[in-house]
Amino acid sequence: MSTYDRNKSTRQNRLRQITAGVQKHFANGPLQLGGRTFASSADFIALLTNDIAVSDAADKAHADFREKIDAQKASRAALAPLLKYLRQQVVGLHSDSPSAAGTLADFGFLPRAVKPQTVASKAAAAAKREATRKARHVMGKVQRKAITGAAPPAPAPEPPGPAPDATAPTSTDATAAPPPARSTTTTTTST
């Protein structure tokens, strides 16, 4: 039967079919199966119907279980933010009192654990902070004011070169256009 029974519902359907077949073909007389003798087919049918009933009960119990688990998850999801707000309110109201830890304990809350820093860890943190500022070129307000921009130096004028020889050809193409003339006017802009 295991080759036909792929899941619970197919198994239960097969058991119902077997019950119908036994009632139809073995309705009278005793029934021998696997060395076991049943006084009547009704005894064997009782085993089949009991198996179906137990499977149905297990399915119902599993469905009820899943339903209760879903209800539990929904209840916890609804209550979680309220508990968070309650803790914040208790901490806000009683954090200044000398018995703040006791008040939190009355509600079942634990105070936040503050890990004391050692001198070595503080020095390492300061060194790391300075190295990060240096790597990222981070400056404070006073350091930025100390930096002033200097105008780049003006380019040196080109020295006049020797005059080209008018008789010598300057290019292989005789129809080449002469180079554009340089402008001698300069414009100044103020920033």
N, C-alpha and C. Protein backbone atom coordinates (compact mmCIF):
# COMPACT_ATOMS: atom_id res chain seq x y z
N MET A 1 0.80 -1.18 0.00
CA MET A 1 0.00 0.00 0.00
C MET A 1 0.85 1.26 0.00
N SER A 2 2.13 1.18 0.39
CA SER A 2 2.96 2.37 0.49
C SER A 2 3.26 2.96 -0.88
N THR A 3 3.22 2.15 -1.95
CA THR A 3 3.49 2.70 -3.28
C THR A 3 2.35 3.57 -3.76
N TYR A 4 1.13 3.35 -3.24
CA TYR A 4 -0.02 4.13 -3.65
C TYR A 4 -0.28 5.32 -2.73
N ASP A 5 0.24 5.25 -1.52
CA ASP A 5 -0.06 6.27 -0.52
C ASP A 5 1.02 7.34 -0.53
N ARG A 6 0.76 8.42 -1.26
CA ARG A 6 1.73 9.50 -1.37
C ARG A 6 1.57 10.53 -0.25
N ASN A 7 0.37 10.67 0.28
CA ASN A 7 0.14 11.60 1.38
C ASN A 7 -1.05 11.10 2.20
N LYS A 8 -1.41 11.84 3.22
CA LYS A 8 -2.47 11.39 4.13
C LYS A 8 -3.81 11.24 3.42
N SER A 9 -4.15 12.19 2.59
CA SER A 9 -5.47 12.13 1.96
C SER A 9 -5.59 10.96 1.00
N THR A 10 -4.53 10.67 0.25
CA THR A 10 -4.62 9.51 -0.65
C THR A 10 -4.67 8.22 0.16
N ARG A 11 -3.98 8.18 1.28
CA ARG A 11 -4.03 6.97 2.12
C ARG A 11 -5.44 6.78 2.69
N GLN A 12 -6.03 7.85 3.16
CA GLN A 12 -7.39 7.74 3.71
C GLN A 12 -8.39 7.34 2.63
N ASN A 13 -8.23 7.86 1.43
CA ASN A 13 -9.12 7.48 0.35
C ASN A 13 -8.96 6.00 -0.01
N ARG A 14 -7.71 5.53 0.01
CA ARG A 14 -7.49 4.10 -0.28
C ARG A 14 -8.11 3.24 0.82
N LEU A 15 -7.98 3.69 2.09
CA LEU A 15 -8.58 2.90 3.17
C LEU A 15 -10.11 2.86 3.03
N ARG A 16 -10.70 3.95 2.58
CA ARG A 16 -12.16 3.96 2.36
C ARG A 16 -12.54 3.01 1.22
N GLN A 17 -11.72 2.99 0.16
CA GLN A 17 -11.97 2.06 -0.94
C GLN A 17 -11.82 0.61 -0.48
N ILE A 18 -10.79 0.37 0.34
CA ILE A 18 -10.58 -1.00 0.87
C ILE A 18 -11.77 -1.40 1.73
N THR A 19 -12.27 -0.47 2.55
CA THR A 19 -13.44 -0.77 3.38
C THR A 19 -14.63 -1.16 2.50
N ALA A 20 -14.85 -0.41 1.44
CA ALA A 20 -15.97 -0.72 0.54
C ALA A 20 -15.76 -2.07 -0.13
N GLY A 21 -14.53 -2.37 -0.53
CA GLY A 21 -14.25 -3.65 -1.16
C GLY A 21 -14.42 -4.82 -0.22
N VAL A 22 -13.99 -4.67 1.03
CA VAL A 22 -14.15 -5.75 2.01
C VAL A 22 -15.62 -5.97 2.30
N GLN A 23 -16.38 -4.89 2.43
CA GLN A 23 -17.82 -5.05 2.68
C GLN A 23 -18.52 -5.72 1.51
N LYS A 24 -18.06 -5.47 0.31
CA LYS A 24 -18.70 -6.04 -0.87
C LYS A 24 -18.33 -7.50 -1.10
N HIS A 25 -17.02 -7.83 -0.92
CA HIS A 25 -16.56 -9.16 -1.31
C HIS A 25 -16.32 -10.11 -0.13
N PHE A 26 -16.07 -9.58 1.08
CA PHE A 26 -15.83 -10.45 2.24
C PHE A 26 -16.83 -10.15 3.35
N ALA A 27 -18.07 -9.97 3.01
CA ALA A 27 -19.07 -9.58 3.99
C ALA A 27 -19.39 -10.72 4.96
N ASN A 28 -19.32 -11.96 4.52
CA ASN A 28 -19.70 -13.10 5.36
C ASN A 28 -18.47 -13.90 5.76
N GLY A 29 -18.46 -14.37 6.95
CA GLY A 29 -17.44 -15.31 7.40
C GLY A 29 -16.19 -14.64 7.95
N PRO A 30 -15.30 -15.51 8.48
CA PRO A 30 -14.05 -15.00 9.05
C PRO A 30 -13.09 -14.56 7.94
N LEU A 31 -12.10 -13.76 8.37
CA LEU A 31 -11.13 -13.22 7.42
C LEU A 31 -9.73 -13.44 8.00
N GLN A 32 -8.84 -14.09 7.22
CA GLN A 32 -7.47 -14.33 7.66
C GLN A 32 -6.52 -13.46 6.86
N LEU A 33 -5.71 -12.67 7.59
CA LEU A 33 -4.75 -11.77 6.95
C LEU A 33 -3.43 -11.81 7.74
N GLY A 34 -2.37 -12.20 7.09
CA GLY A 34 -1.04 -12.20 7.70
C GLY A 34 -0.95 -13.00 8.97
N GLY A 35 -1.58 -14.15 9.03
CA GLY A 35 -1.54 -14.99 10.21
C GLY A 35 -2.49 -14.55 11.30
N ARG A 36 -3.26 -13.58 11.05
CA ARG A 36 -4.22 -13.08 12.03
C ARG A 36 -5.63 -13.38 11.50
N THR A 37 -6.47 -13.88 12.38
CA THR A 37 -7.83 -14.24 11.98
C THR A 37 -8.82 -13.28 12.60
N PHE A 38 -9.68 -12.73 11.75
CA PHE A 38 -10.76 -11.86 12.21
C PHE A 38 -12.04 -12.66 12.16
N ALA A 39 -12.84 -12.61 13.23
CA ALA A 39 -14.07 -13.40 13.31
C ALA A 39 -15.04 -13.01 12.20
N SER A 40 -15.05 -11.72 11.86
CA SER A 40 -15.89 -11.28 10.76
C SER A 40 -15.20 -10.10 10.09
N SER A 41 -15.68 -9.78 8.91
CA SER A 41 -15.07 -8.65 8.20
C SER A 41 -15.32 -7.34 8.93
N ALA A 42 -16.34 -7.31 9.78
CA ALA A 42 -16.64 -6.09 10.54
C ALA A 42 -15.50 -5.74 11.49
N ASP A 43 -14.81 -6.75 12.03
CA ASP A 43 -13.67 -6.47 12.92
C ASP A 43 -12.55 -5.79 12.15
N PHE A 44 -12.28 -6.28 10.93
CA PHE A 44 -11.23 -5.67 10.11
C PHE A 44 -11.65 -4.27 9.66
N ILE A 45 -12.91 -4.11 9.31
CA ILE A 45 -13.42 -2.80 8.90
C ILE A 45 -13.33 -1.81 10.07
N ALA A 46 -13.52 -2.29 11.29
CA ALA A 46 -13.39 -1.43 12.47
C ALA A 46 -11.96 -0.90 12.59
N LEU A 47 -10.95 -1.74 12.28
CA LEU A 47 -9.55 -1.28 12.30
C LEU A 47 -9.33 -0.20 11.23
N LEU A 48 -9.90 -0.41 10.05
CA LEU A 48 -9.74 0.56 8.97
C LEU A 48 -10.38 1.90 9.33
N THR A 49 -11.61 1.85 9.84
CA THR A 49 -12.30 3.10 10.18
C THR A 49 -11.63 3.79 11.37
N ASN A 50 -11.06 3.00 12.29
CA ASN A 50 -10.32 3.59 13.41
C ASN A 50 -9.09 4.33 12.91
N ASP A 51 -8.37 3.75 11.93
CA ASP A 51 -7.19 4.40 11.37
C ASP A 51 -7.57 5.72 10.69
N ILE A 52 -8.69 5.71 9.96
CA ILE A 52 -9.15 6.93 9.29
C ILE A 52 -9.54 7.98 10.34
N ALA A 53 -10.22 7.56 11.38
CA ALA A 53 -10.65 8.49 12.43
C ALA A 53 -9.45 9.09 13.16
N VAL A 54 -8.44 8.24 13.45
CA VAL A 54 -7.23 8.74 14.13
C VAL A 54 -6.50 9.74 13.24
N SER A 55 -6.41 9.46 11.94
CA SER A 55 -5.75 10.39 11.01
C SER A 55 -6.51 11.70 10.93
N ASP A 56 -7.85 11.62 10.88
CA ASP A 56 -8.65 12.85 10.85
C ASP A 56 -8.46 13.67 12.13
N ALA A 57 -8.42 12.98 13.26
CA ALA A 57 -8.21 13.67 14.54
C ALA A 57 -6.83 14.33 14.59
N ALA A 58 -5.82 13.62 14.06
CA ALA A 58 -4.47 14.19 14.04
C ALA A 58 -4.42 15.41 13.14
N ASP A 59 -5.08 15.35 11.98
CA ASP A 59 -5.12 16.50 11.08
C ASP A 59 -5.81 17.69 11.74
N LYS A 60 -6.90 17.41 12.43
CA LYS A 60 -7.63 18.50 13.11
C LYS A 60 -6.78 19.09 14.24
N ALA A 61 -6.11 18.21 14.98
CA ALA A 61 -5.25 18.70 16.06
C ALA A 61 -4.10 19.53 15.50
N HIS A 62 -3.54 19.09 14.37
CA HIS A 62 -2.45 19.85 13.75
C HIS A 62 -2.96 21.21 13.27
N ALA A 63 -4.15 21.23 12.66
CA ALA A 63 -4.72 22.50 12.20
C ALA A 63 -5.00 23.42 13.38
N ASP A 64 -5.52 22.85 14.49
CA ASP A 64 -5.76 23.66 15.70
C ASP A 64 -4.44 24.20 16.25
N PHE A 65 -3.41 23.34 16.22
CA PHE A 65 -2.10 23.75 16.71
C PHE A 65 -1.57 24.92 15.88
N ARG A 66 -1.64 24.81 14.54
CA ARG A 66 -1.16 25.88 13.67
C ARG A 66 -1.96 27.17 13.90
N GLU A 67 -3.25 27.01 14.12
CA GLU A 67 -4.11 28.17 14.37
C GLU A 67 -3.71 28.85 15.67
N LYS A 68 -3.41 28.06 16.69
CA LYS A 68 -2.99 28.64 17.98
C LYS A 68 -1.61 29.27 17.88
N ILE A 69 -0.73 28.67 17.10
CA ILE A 69 0.60 29.26 16.90
C ILE A 69 0.47 30.60 16.18
N ASP A 70 -0.39 30.67 15.16
CA ASP A 70 -0.60 31.93 14.45
C ASP A 70 -1.19 32.99 15.37
N ALA A 71 -2.11 32.57 16.24
CA ALA A 71 -2.69 33.52 17.21
C ALA A 71 -1.63 34.01 18.18
N GLN A 72 -0.74 33.11 18.59
CA GLN A 72 0.34 33.50 19.50
C GLN A 72 1.27 34.51 18.82
N LYS A 73 1.63 34.26 17.56
CA LYS A 73 2.51 35.19 16.85
C LYS A 73 1.85 36.55 16.68
N ALA A 74 0.57 36.56 16.37
CA ALA A 74 -0.15 37.83 16.21
C ALA A 74 -0.22 38.60 17.53
N SER A 75 -0.44 37.87 18.62
CA SER A 75 -0.50 38.52 19.93
C SER A 75 0.85 39.12 20.31
N ARG A 76 1.91 38.37 20.05
CA ARG A 76 3.25 38.89 20.37
C ARG A 76 3.60 40.09 19.51
N ALA A 77 3.22 40.04 18.23
CA ALA A 77 3.51 41.17 17.33
C ALA A 77 2.76 42.42 17.77
N ALA A 78 1.54 42.25 18.27
CA ALA A 78 0.76 43.41 18.73
C ALA A 78 1.29 43.96 20.05
N LEU A 79 1.83 43.11 20.90
CA LEU A 79 2.27 43.52 22.23
C LEU A 79 3.70 44.06 22.25
N ALA A 80 4.54 43.63 21.32
CA ALA A 80 5.96 44.01 21.35
C ALA A 80 6.19 45.51 21.35
N PRO A 81 5.56 46.30 20.46
CA PRO A 81 5.83 47.74 20.51
C PRO A 81 5.32 48.39 21.78
N LEU A 82 4.23 47.87 22.33
CA LEU A 82 3.70 48.45 23.57
C LEU A 82 4.68 48.22 24.73
N LEU A 83 5.28 47.05 24.77
CA LEU A 83 6.28 46.78 25.82
C LEU A 83 7.50 47.69 25.65
N LYS A 84 7.87 47.94 24.41
CA LYS A 84 9.00 48.84 24.15
C LYS A 84 8.69 50.24 24.67
N TYR A 85 7.46 50.72 24.38
CA TYR A 85 7.07 52.05 24.85
C TYR A 85 6.97 52.11 26.37
N LEU A 86 6.50 51.03 26.97
CA LEU A 86 6.42 50.99 28.43
C LEU A 86 7.82 51.09 29.03
N ARG A 87 8.77 50.36 28.48
CA ARG A 87 10.15 50.41 28.99
C ARG A 87 10.70 51.83 28.85
N GLN A 88 10.45 52.45 27.69
CA GLN A 88 10.94 53.82 27.49
C GLN A 88 10.32 54.78 28.50
N GLN A 89 9.04 54.59 28.79
CA GLN A 89 8.38 55.47 29.75
C GLN A 89 8.93 55.26 31.15
N VAL A 90 9.14 54.01 31.54
CA VAL A 90 9.68 53.73 32.87
C VAL A 90 11.08 54.30 32.99
N VAL A 91 11.89 54.11 31.97
CA VAL A 91 13.26 54.65 32.01
C VAL A 91 13.21 56.17 32.04
N GLY A 92 12.33 56.77 31.26
CA GLY A 92 12.23 58.23 31.23
C GLY A 92 11.77 58.81 32.55
N LEU A 93 10.87 58.14 33.24
CA LEU A 93 10.35 58.66 34.50
C LEU A 93 11.28 58.40 35.68
N HIS A 94 11.96 57.30 35.67
CA HIS A 94 12.72 56.89 36.85
C HIS A 94 14.23 56.81 36.65
N SER A 95 14.74 57.29 35.52
CA SER A 95 16.18 57.14 35.28
C SER A 95 17.01 58.03 36.20
N ASP A 96 16.45 59.14 36.66
CA ASP A 96 17.20 60.05 37.52
C ASP A 96 17.18 59.62 38.99
N SER A 97 16.30 58.72 39.33
CA SER A 97 16.20 58.33 40.74
C SER A 97 17.35 57.39 41.11
N PRO A 98 17.75 57.40 42.38
CA PRO A 98 18.84 56.53 42.80
C PRO A 98 18.47 55.05 42.73
N SER A 99 17.18 54.76 42.76
CA SER A 99 16.76 53.36 42.71
C SER A 99 16.22 52.98 41.33
N ALA A 100 16.85 53.52 40.28
CA ALA A 100 16.37 53.26 38.92
C ALA A 100 16.48 51.79 38.57
N ALA A 101 17.57 51.14 38.98
CA ALA A 101 17.73 49.71 38.68
C ALA A 101 16.66 48.89 39.39
N GLY A 102 16.32 49.27 40.62
CA GLY A 102 15.27 48.56 41.36
C GLY A 102 13.91 48.75 40.72
N THR A 103 13.65 49.97 40.25
CA THR A 103 12.37 50.22 39.58
C THR A 103 12.26 49.42 38.30
N LEU A 104 13.34 49.37 37.54
CA LEU A 104 13.33 48.54 36.32
C LEU A 104 13.12 47.07 36.67
N ALA A 105 13.74 46.63 37.75
CA ALA A 105 13.59 45.23 38.17
C ALA A 105 12.15 44.94 38.58
N ASP A 106 11.44 45.94 39.15
CA ASP A 106 10.04 45.73 39.50
C ASP A 106 9.19 45.41 38.28
N PHE A 107 9.56 45.96 37.14
CA PHE A 107 8.84 45.70 35.89
C PHE A 107 9.40 44.48 35.15
N GLY A 108 10.49 43.93 35.63
CA GLY A 108 11.11 42.79 34.95
C GLY A 108 12.08 43.20 33.86
N PHE A 109 12.45 44.48 33.82
CA PHE A 109 13.39 44.98 32.82
C PHE A 109 14.78 44.99 33.42
N LEU A 110 15.76 44.74 32.58
CA LEU A 110 17.15 44.82 33.02
C LEU A 110 17.73 46.16 32.60
N PRO A 111 18.54 46.78 33.47
CA PRO A 111 19.17 48.03 33.04
C PRO A 111 20.20 47.74 31.95
N ARG A 112 20.42 48.72 31.13
CA ARG A 112 21.40 48.53 30.06
C ARG A 112 22.78 48.41 30.66
N ALA A 113 23.50 47.43 30.18
CA ALA A 113 24.85 47.20 30.67
C ALA A 113 25.79 48.20 30.00
N VAL A 114 26.52 48.95 30.80
CA VAL A 114 27.49 49.90 30.28
C VAL A 114 28.87 49.31 30.53
N LYS A 115 29.58 49.07 29.46
CA LYS A 115 30.91 48.49 29.58
C LYS A 115 31.90 49.63 29.81
N PRO A 116 32.58 49.63 30.94
CA PRO A 116 33.54 50.71 31.19
C PRO A 116 34.73 50.60 30.24
N GLN A 117 35.15 51.75 29.70
CA GLN A 117 36.29 51.75 28.80
C GLN A 117 37.58 51.91 29.58
N THR A 118 38.57 51.19 29.14
CA THR A 118 39.87 51.31 29.78
C THR A 118 40.63 52.46 29.13
N VAL A 119 41.70 52.86 29.78
CA VAL A 119 42.53 53.95 29.25
C VAL A 119 43.13 53.54 27.91
N ALA A 120 43.52 52.28 27.81
CA ALA A 120 44.12 51.81 26.57
C ALA A 120 43.11 51.84 25.42
N SER A 121 41.87 51.46 25.69
CA SER A 121 40.86 51.47 24.62
C SER A 121 40.52 52.90 24.21
N LYS A 122 40.52 53.84 25.18
CA LYS A 122 40.26 55.24 24.84
C LYS A 122 41.40 55.80 23.98
N ALA A 123 42.64 55.46 24.31
CA ALA A 123 43.80 55.94 23.54
C ALA A 123 43.77 55.34 22.14
N ALA A 124 43.41 54.05 22.02
CA ALA A 124 43.33 53.43 20.71
C ALA A 124 42.23 54.07 19.87
N ALA A 125 41.12 54.40 20.49
CA ALA A 125 40.02 55.05 19.77
C ALA A 125 40.42 56.43 19.28
N ALA A 126 41.15 57.19 20.11
CA ALA A 126 41.59 58.52 19.72
C ALA A 126 42.57 58.44 18.55
N ALA A 127 43.48 57.47 18.61
CA ALA A 127 44.45 57.30 17.52
C ALA A 127 43.74 56.91 16.23
N LYS A 128 42.78 56.05 16.33
CA LYS A 128 42.02 55.62 15.15
C LYS A 128 41.22 56.78 14.57
N ARG A 129 40.65 57.61 15.45
CA ARG A 129 39.89 58.77 15.01
C ARG A 129 40.79 59.76 14.27
N GLU A 130 41.97 60.02 14.80
CA GLU A 130 42.91 60.94 14.15
C GLU A 130 43.38 60.39 12.81
N ALA A 131 43.63 59.10 12.75
CA ALA A 131 44.07 58.50 11.49
C ALA A 131 42.97 58.59 10.44
N THR A 132 41.73 58.42 10.85
CA THR A 132 40.61 58.53 9.92
C THR A 132 40.47 59.96 9.41
N ARG A 133 40.59 60.93 10.31
CA ARG A 133 40.49 62.33 9.91
C ARG A 133 41.61 62.70 8.94
N LYS A 134 42.79 62.17 9.18
CA LYS A 134 43.93 62.46 8.31
C LYS A 134 43.73 61.80 6.94
N ALA A 135 43.25 60.56 6.94
CA ALA A 135 43.05 59.85 5.67
C ALA A 135 41.95 60.49 4.84
N ARG A 136 40.95 61.03 5.48
CA ARG A 136 39.82 61.63 4.76
C ARG A 136 39.99 63.14 4.57
N HIS A 137 41.06 63.71 5.08
CA HIS A 137 41.33 65.13 5.01
C HIS A 137 40.20 65.93 5.66
N VAL A 138 39.79 65.50 6.82
CA VAL A 138 38.74 66.16 7.56
C VAL A 138 39.36 67.24 8.43
N MET A 139 38.78 68.44 8.36
CA MET A 139 39.32 69.55 9.14
C MET A 139 38.20 70.20 9.93
N GLY A 140 38.59 70.82 10.99
CA GLY A 140 37.65 71.58 11.79
C GLY A 140 37.46 72.98 11.22
N LYS A 141 36.63 73.77 11.88
CA LYS A 141 36.31 75.11 11.41
C LYS A 141 37.56 76.02 11.42
N VAL A 142 38.33 75.95 12.48
CA VAL A 142 39.52 76.80 12.61
C VAL A 142 40.58 76.38 11.60
N GLN A 143 40.73 75.07 11.38
CA GLN A 143 41.73 74.60 10.42
C GLN A 143 41.36 75.03 9.00
N ARG A 144 40.07 75.05 8.68
CA ARG A 144 39.67 75.48 7.34
C ARG A 144 39.94 76.97 7.14
N LYS A 145 39.77 77.78 8.20
CA LYS A 145 40.01 79.22 8.08
C LYS A 145 41.49 79.51 7.87
N ALA A 146 42.34 78.65 8.37
CA ALA A 146 43.78 78.87 8.26
C ALA A 146 44.27 78.63 6.83
N ILE A 147 43.51 77.90 6.06
CA ILE A 147 43.93 77.63 4.68
C ILE A 147 43.45 78.75 3.80
N THR A 148 44.40 79.36 3.09
CA THR A 148 44.06 80.40 2.13
C THR A 148 44.58 79.97 0.78
N GLY A 149 43.85 80.34 -0.24
CA GLY A 149 44.27 79.98 -1.59
C GLY A 149 45.19 81.04 -2.15
N ALA A 150 46.24 80.63 -2.79
CA ALA A 150 47.16 81.55 -3.45
C ALA A 150 46.90 81.48 -4.94
N ALA A 151 46.95 82.63 -5.60
CA ALA A 151 46.73 82.65 -7.04
C ALA A 151 47.90 81.95 -7.72
N PRO A 152 47.62 81.18 -8.74
CA PRO A 152 48.74 80.52 -9.42
C PRO A 152 49.60 81.56 -10.14
N PRO A 153 50.89 81.33 -10.23
CA PRO A 153 51.76 82.31 -10.89
C PRO A 153 51.39 82.43 -12.37
N ALA A 154 51.53 83.67 -12.89
CA ALA A 154 51.21 83.92 -14.30
C ALA A 154 52.23 83.22 -15.18
N PRO A 155 51.80 82.66 -16.30
CA PRO A 155 52.76 81.98 -17.17
C PRO A 155 53.74 82.99 -17.79
N ALA A 156 54.96 82.57 -17.96
CA ALA A 156 55.99 83.44 -18.54
C ALA A 156 55.69 83.64 -20.03
N PRO A 157 55.90 84.85 -20.52
CA PRO A 157 55.65 85.07 -21.95
C PRO A 157 56.66 84.30 -22.78
N GLU A 158 56.21 83.90 -23.96
CA GLU A 158 57.11 83.15 -24.84
C GLU A 158 58.15 84.10 -25.44
N PRO A 159 59.40 83.66 -25.41
CA PRO A 159 60.41 84.53 -26.03
C PRO A 159 60.25 84.50 -27.56
N PRO A 160 60.43 85.63 -28.17
CA PRO A 160 60.30 85.63 -29.64
C PRO A 160 61.41 84.79 -30.25
N GLY A 161 61.02 83.97 -31.16
CA GLY A 161 61.99 83.11 -31.83
C GLY A 161 62.57 83.80 -33.05
N PRO A 162 63.46 83.14 -33.71
CA PRO A 162 64.03 83.74 -34.93
C PRO A 162 62.93 83.88 -36.00
N ALA A 163 63.05 84.90 -36.77
CA ALA A 163 62.05 85.15 -37.81
C ALA A 163 62.18 84.08 -38.88
N PRO A 164 61.05 83.60 -39.34
CA PRO A 164 61.13 82.57 -40.37
C PRO A 164 61.64 83.16 -41.68
N ASP A 165 62.31 82.33 -42.39
CA ASP A 165 62.86 82.75 -43.68
C ASP A 165 61.72 82.78 -44.69
N ALA A 166 61.54 83.91 -45.34
CA ALA A 166 60.43 84.06 -46.28
C ALA A 166 60.64 83.26 -47.54
N THR A 167 61.87 82.97 -47.85
CA THR A 167 62.13 82.25 -49.09
C THR A 167 62.02 80.75 -48.91
N ALA A 168 62.15 80.27 -47.70
CA ALA A 168 62.10 78.81 -47.47
C ALA A 168 60.64 78.37 -47.37
N PRO A 169 60.30 77.29 -48.01
CA PRO A 169 58.91 76.80 -47.88
C PRO A 169 58.69 76.25 -46.47
N THR A 170 57.55 76.57 -45.87
CA THR A 170 57.25 76.13 -44.50
C THR A 170 56.44 74.85 -44.47
N SER A 171 55.80 74.56 -45.58
CA SER A 171 55.05 73.32 -45.60
C SER A 171 55.11 72.74 -46.99
N THR A 172 54.73 71.50 -47.10
CA THR A 172 54.77 70.84 -48.39
C THR A 172 53.59 71.26 -49.25
N ASP A 173 52.55 71.77 -48.64
CA ASP A 173 51.38 72.22 -49.38
C ASP A 173 51.49 73.72 -49.57
N ALA A 174 51.49 74.16 -50.79
CA ALA A 174 51.65 75.58 -51.08
C ALA A 174 50.38 76.34 -50.80
N THR A 175 49.23 75.65 -50.73
CA THR A 175 47.97 76.36 -50.53
C THR A 175 47.54 76.38 -49.08
N ALA A 176 48.41 76.05 -48.16
CA ALA A 176 48.05 76.01 -46.75
C ALA A 176 47.78 77.40 -46.25
N ALA A 177 46.78 77.51 -45.38
CA ALA A 177 46.40 78.81 -44.83
C ALA A 177 47.41 79.21 -43.78
N PRO A 178 47.66 80.51 -43.64
CA PRO A 178 48.60 80.98 -42.62
C PRO A 178 47.99 80.78 -41.24
N PRO A 179 48.82 80.61 -40.20
CA PRO A 179 48.30 80.42 -38.85
C PRO A 179 47.55 81.67 -38.40
N PRO A 180 46.55 81.52 -37.49
CA PRO A 180 45.79 82.69 -37.05
C PRO A 180 46.66 83.63 -36.24
N ALA A 181 46.35 84.90 -36.34
CA ALA A 181 47.12 85.92 -35.63
C ALA A 181 46.78 85.87 -34.16
N ARG A 182 47.75 86.17 -33.32
CA ARG A 182 47.54 86.19 -31.86
C ARG A 182 46.92 87.50 -31.45
N SER A 183 46.01 87.39 -30.54
CA SER A 183 45.36 88.59 -30.04
C SER A 183 46.23 89.21 -28.98
N THR A 184 46.32 90.48 -28.97
CA THR A 184 47.16 91.17 -27.99
C THR A 184 46.33 91.78 -26.88
N THR A 185 45.02 91.72 -26.98
CA THR A 185 44.19 92.29 -25.92
C THR A 185 43.97 91.24 -24.84
N THR A 186 43.96 91.66 -23.60
CA THR A 186 43.71 90.77 -22.47
C THR A 186 42.51 91.27 -21.72
N THR A 187 41.75 90.34 -21.17
CA THR A 187 40.60 90.72 -20.36
C THR A 187 40.87 90.35 -18.92
N THR A 188 40.44 91.17 -18.02
CA THR A 188 40.62 90.88 -16.58
C THR A 188 39.25 90.68 -15.98
N THR A 189 39.17 89.70 -15.13
CA THR A 189 37.91 89.45 -14.41
C THR A 189 38.18 89.53 -12.94
N SER A 190 37.25 90.02 -12.20
CA SER A 190 37.40 90.09 -10.77
C SER A 190 36.51 89.03 -10.14
N THR A 191 36.98 88.43 -9.09
CA THR A 191 36.21 87.38 -8.41
C THR A 191 35.70 87.83 -7.10
